[in-house]
Amino acid sequence: MIVVHHLENSRSQRIIWLLEELGTAYEIRHYERDKETSLAPKELLDVHPLGKSPIITDGDLVVAESGAIVEYLIEKYGDGRLQPVGGAQDRLNYRYWLHHAEGTAAAQLVLKLIFTRVKEQKLPIVVKQIAHKIADKVLESYVDPNVQRSMVHWESALSETGWFAGEEMSGADIMMSFPLEAASARAGLGRSFPNISEFLDRIHALPNYQKALAKGGKYDFVQ
């Protein structure tokens, strides 16, 4: 039996969604974030040395890292589903977006979160002024321009078919769902990114996405 070691309000939500799409039997082991730090609890260290979610166990096998989990599940349980059926370019796009989601995209969004939280901390007035100046400078000069550039890239990629790799939904779309949701929540979409907005509306309306949302619990990234 597959067990999803699921941290509340995290990117492991998309692993639950993937399993619903595959129709594969699984169970969820829920973990709550530390109330002070918002980090994963120490119990996850008993599952994997890094103690980070998502992690799945499949019998005696332990698989960590979102991209590796998605590839493993689709290859073992997909029976040809959720993989591009087109030519070499679709397959290359599929591989690119699987890696982009937790590579370039995630790194920029984590920086956005960290420096935004710096500005929200309760600090002594002098320290607060300095911290805010540093955070504003990093956000303005580096983080926000790179997040914006990525969003333009995603918007363009979705313009042809509405999916990231081919004519149908694939594992690449499941992987990219979290960066798009996080960017929407943290940076906003407005009217500048209609393809991203349409993509999010479409996947959020899917029955299997809704099932996964009900099973996964707290998830603040659905607007």
Protein backbone atom coordinates (compact mmCIF):
# COMPACT_ATOMS: atom_id res chain seq x y z
CA MET A 1 0.00 0.00 0.00
CA ILE A 2 1.24 3.46 -0.91
CA VAL A 3 1.41 5.85 2.05
CA VAL A 4 1.64 9.59 1.42
CA HIS A 5 3.42 11.33 4.28
CA HIS A 6 1.53 14.56 3.88
CA LEU A 7 2.40 17.86 5.56
CA GLU A 8 -0.53 20.21 5.94
CA ASN A 9 -0.64 23.20 3.60
CA SER A 10 2.24 22.05 1.45
CA ARG A 11 3.30 20.91 -1.99
CA SER A 12 2.58 17.29 -1.05
CA GLN A 13 -1.05 18.12 -1.85
CA ARG A 14 -0.30 17.53 -5.52
CA ILE A 15 0.88 13.98 -4.79
CA ILE A 16 -2.55 13.20 -3.36
CA TRP A 17 -4.10 14.72 -6.49
CA LEU A 18 -1.86 12.58 -8.71
CA LEU A 19 -2.90 9.41 -6.91
CA GLU A 20 -6.56 10.35 -7.31
CA GLU A 21 -5.98 10.81 -11.05
CA LEU A 22 -4.26 7.43 -11.25
CA GLY A 23 -7.00 5.71 -9.26
CA THR A 24 -4.35 3.90 -7.23
CA ALA A 25 -5.08 2.76 -3.68
CA TYR A 26 -3.24 4.78 -1.04
CA GLU A 27 -3.52 6.13 2.45
CA ILE A 28 -2.48 9.45 3.94
CA ARG A 29 -0.44 9.96 7.06
CA HIS A 30 -1.04 13.54 8.18
CA TYR A 31 1.60 15.76 9.78
CA GLU A 32 1.04 19.22 11.24
CA ARG A 33 3.49 22.10 11.01
CA ASP A 34 5.25 23.39 14.12
CA LYS A 35 3.10 26.21 15.51
CA GLU A 36 6.11 28.48 16.11
CA THR A 37 8.27 27.87 13.04
CA SER A 38 5.77 26.48 10.48
CA LEU A 39 8.36 23.79 9.72
CA ALA A 40 7.68 20.09 9.34
CA PRO A 41 7.60 18.09 12.59
CA LYS A 42 10.49 15.90 13.71
CA GLU A 43 8.39 12.77 13.12
CA LEU A 44 9.11 13.03 9.41
CA LEU A 45 12.78 12.37 10.18
CA ASP A 46 11.72 8.85 11.07
CA VAL A 47 10.62 8.39 7.45
CA HIS A 48 13.46 10.12 5.57
CA PRO A 49 16.78 11.64 6.73
CA LEU A 50 15.82 15.14 5.56
CA GLY A 51 12.41 15.10 7.22
CA LYS A 52 10.77 16.98 4.34
CA SER A 53 7.37 16.39 2.78
CA PRO A 54 6.31 15.02 0.39
CA ILE A 55 7.53 11.50 0.99
CA ILE A 56 5.80 8.30 -0.04
CA THR A 57 6.40 4.76 1.06
CA ASP A 58 5.43 1.93 -1.25
CA GLY A 59 5.97 -1.25 0.71
CA ASP A 60 9.60 -1.12 1.81
CA LEU A 61 10.49 1.54 -0.74
CA VAL A 62 10.85 5.19 0.34
CA VAL A 63 10.63 7.89 -2.33
CA ALA A 64 11.27 11.57 -1.59
CA GLU A 65 11.32 14.76 -3.72
CA SER A 66 8.16 15.77 -5.57
CA GLY A 67 9.51 15.25 -9.08
CA ALA A 68 10.93 11.82 -8.29
CA ILE A 69 7.64 10.80 -6.65
CA VAL A 70 5.59 11.96 -9.65
CA GLU A 71 7.85 10.13 -12.10
CA TYR A 72 7.87 6.97 -9.98
CA LEU A 73 4.09 6.84 -9.58
CA ILE A 74 3.35 7.56 -13.23
CA GLU A 75 5.89 5.02 -14.46
CA LYS A 76 4.72 2.28 -12.08
CA TYR A 77 0.97 2.90 -11.91
CA GLY A 78 0.15 5.16 -14.85
CA ASP A 79 -0.23 2.49 -17.56
CA GLY A 80 0.68 5.14 -20.13
CA ARG A 81 -1.51 7.84 -18.60
CA LEU A 82 -0.37 11.36 -17.68
CA GLN A 83 2.60 11.17 -20.03
CA PRO A 84 2.85 13.01 -23.36
CA VAL A 85 1.67 11.01 -26.33
CA GLY A 86 3.06 13.42 -28.92
CA GLY A 87 6.51 13.69 -30.46
CA ALA A 88 9.97 14.43 -29.15
CA GLN A 89 9.20 18.08 -28.34
CA ASP A 90 6.27 17.15 -26.10
CA ARG A 91 8.46 14.63 -24.26
CA LEU A 92 11.19 17.22 -23.84
CA ASN A 93 8.67 19.77 -22.58
CA TYR A 94 7.34 17.17 -20.14
CA ARG A 95 10.80 16.57 -18.69
CA TYR A 96 11.62 20.28 -18.61
CA TRP A 97 8.51 21.29 -16.64
CA LEU A 98 8.87 18.35 -14.23
CA HIS A 99 12.29 19.73 -13.26
CA HIS A 100 11.49 23.43 -13.58
CA ALA A 101 8.73 23.19 -10.96
CA GLU A 102 11.09 22.32 -8.10
CA GLY A 103 14.17 23.93 -9.61
CA THR A 104 13.89 27.48 -10.89
CA ALA A 105 10.27 28.09 -9.92
CA ALA A 106 10.41 26.82 -6.33
CA ALA A 107 13.67 28.60 -5.51
CA GLN A 108 12.27 31.98 -6.53
CA LEU A 109 9.01 31.49 -4.66
CA VAL A 110 10.80 30.41 -1.48
CA LEU A 111 12.88 33.60 -1.61
CA LYS A 112 9.67 35.58 -2.10
CA LEU A 113 8.19 33.93 0.98
CA ILE A 114 11.29 34.42 3.14
CA PHE A 115 11.81 38.10 2.43
CA THR A 116 8.11 38.84 2.70
CA ARG A 117 8.08 37.20 6.12
CA VAL A 118 11.09 39.26 7.19
CA LYS A 119 8.91 42.34 6.74
CA GLU A 120 6.16 40.78 8.86
CA GLN A 121 8.33 39.99 11.88
CA LYS A 122 7.97 41.92 15.13
CA LEU A 123 11.38 43.50 15.65
CA PRO A 124 12.89 46.41 17.59
CA ILE A 125 12.32 49.61 15.62
CA VAL A 126 15.94 50.15 14.58
CA VAL A 127 16.42 46.53 13.56
CA LYS A 128 13.05 46.58 11.80
CA GLN A 129 14.01 49.59 9.68
CA ILE A 130 17.26 47.97 8.57
CA ALA A 131 15.64 44.58 7.95
CA HIS A 132 12.86 46.15 5.91
CA LYS A 133 15.33 48.08 3.77
CA ILE A 134 17.32 44.95 3.04
CA ALA A 135 14.20 42.90 2.31
CA ASP A 136 12.74 45.61 0.06
CA LYS A 137 16.01 45.89 -1.85
CA VAL A 138 16.32 42.16 -2.44
CA LEU A 139 12.66 41.85 -3.44
CA GLU A 140 12.78 44.84 -5.75
CA SER A 141 16.10 44.15 -7.42
CA TYR A 142 16.15 40.37 -7.64
CA VAL A 143 13.22 38.32 -6.37
CA ASP A 144 10.19 40.10 -7.83
CA PRO A 145 11.71 40.57 -11.32
CA ASN A 146 12.60 36.88 -11.47
CA VAL A 147 9.16 35.77 -10.26
CA GLN A 148 7.59 38.05 -12.86
CA ARG A 149 9.84 36.65 -15.59
CA SER A 150 8.87 33.12 -14.63
CA MET A 151 5.18 33.97 -14.70
CA VAL A 152 5.54 35.42 -18.19
CA HIS A 153 7.29 32.18 -19.19
CA TRP A 154 4.45 30.06 -17.76
CA GLU A 155 1.82 32.24 -19.41
CA SER A 156 3.49 31.77 -22.78
CA ALA A 157 3.90 28.02 -22.32
CA LEU A 158 0.16 27.62 -21.66
CA SER A 159 -0.88 29.72 -24.63
CA GLU A 160 -0.90 26.93 -27.22
CA THR A 161 -2.87 24.06 -25.66
CA GLY A 162 -3.60 25.18 -22.10
CA TRP A 163 -1.29 22.42 -20.81
CA PHE A 164 2.46 22.41 -20.27
CA ALA A 165 3.37 19.36 -22.36
CA GLY A 166 1.08 18.45 -25.22
CA GLU A 167 -2.63 18.36 -25.87
CA GLU A 168 -3.68 16.72 -22.59
CA MET A 169 -2.97 17.02 -18.89
CA SER A 170 0.19 15.26 -17.78
CA GLY A 171 2.42 14.88 -14.76
CA ALA A 172 4.08 18.12 -15.80
CA ASP A 173 0.83 19.98 -15.10
CA ILE A 174 0.49 18.32 -11.71
CA MET A 175 4.07 19.33 -10.84
CA MET A 176 3.53 22.90 -12.06
CA SER A 177 0.26 23.30 -10.18
CA PHE A 178 1.99 24.23 -6.93
CA PRO A 179 4.29 26.98 -8.33
CA LEU A 180 1.33 28.53 -10.12
CA GLU A 181 -0.84 28.36 -7.02
CA ALA A 182 1.91 29.79 -4.84
CA ALA A 183 2.67 32.59 -7.29
CA SER A 184 -1.01 33.45 -7.51
CA ALA A 185 -1.27 33.57 -3.71
CA ARG A 186 1.98 35.48 -3.11
CA ALA A 187 2.33 37.70 -6.16
CA GLY A 188 -1.19 37.95 -7.57
CA LEU A 189 -2.24 37.45 -11.18
CA GLY A 190 -4.54 40.37 -11.95
CA ARG A 191 -5.46 40.51 -15.62
CA SER A 192 -1.91 40.06 -16.86
CA PHE A 193 -1.92 36.26 -16.85
CA PRO A 194 -5.22 34.96 -18.26
CA ASN A 195 -3.74 31.60 -19.31
CA ILE A 196 -2.44 30.91 -15.80
CA SER A 197 -5.76 31.95 -14.29
CA GLU A 198 -7.67 29.70 -16.69
CA PHE A 199 -5.31 26.79 -15.98
CA LEU A 200 -5.82 27.12 -12.23
CA ASP A 201 -9.59 27.43 -12.57
CA ARG A 202 -9.66 24.35 -14.78
CA ILE A 203 -7.60 22.06 -12.55
CA HIS A 204 -9.34 23.27 -9.39
CA ALA A 205 -12.67 22.24 -10.91
CA LEU A 206 -11.52 18.69 -11.68
CA PRO A 207 -13.35 16.06 -9.60
CA ASN A 208 -10.11 14.32 -8.64
CA TYR A 209 -8.55 17.61 -7.56
CA GLN A 210 -11.56 18.27 -5.35
CA LYS A 211 -11.33 14.78 -3.86
CA ALA A 212 -7.65 15.32 -3.10
CA LEU A 213 -8.39 18.69 -1.53
CA ALA A 214 -11.00 17.15 0.75
CA LYS A 215 -8.62 14.38 1.84
CA GLY A 216 -5.50 16.53 2.21
CA GLY A 217 -6.87 19.09 4.65
CA LYS A 218 -5.60 22.62 5.15
CA TYR A 219 -4.32 24.12 1.88
CA ASP A 220 -4.23 27.89 1.59
CA PHE A 221 -3.07 28.09 -2.02
CA VAL A 222 -6.48 27.63 -3.65
CA GLN A 223 -7.95 31.10 -4.07
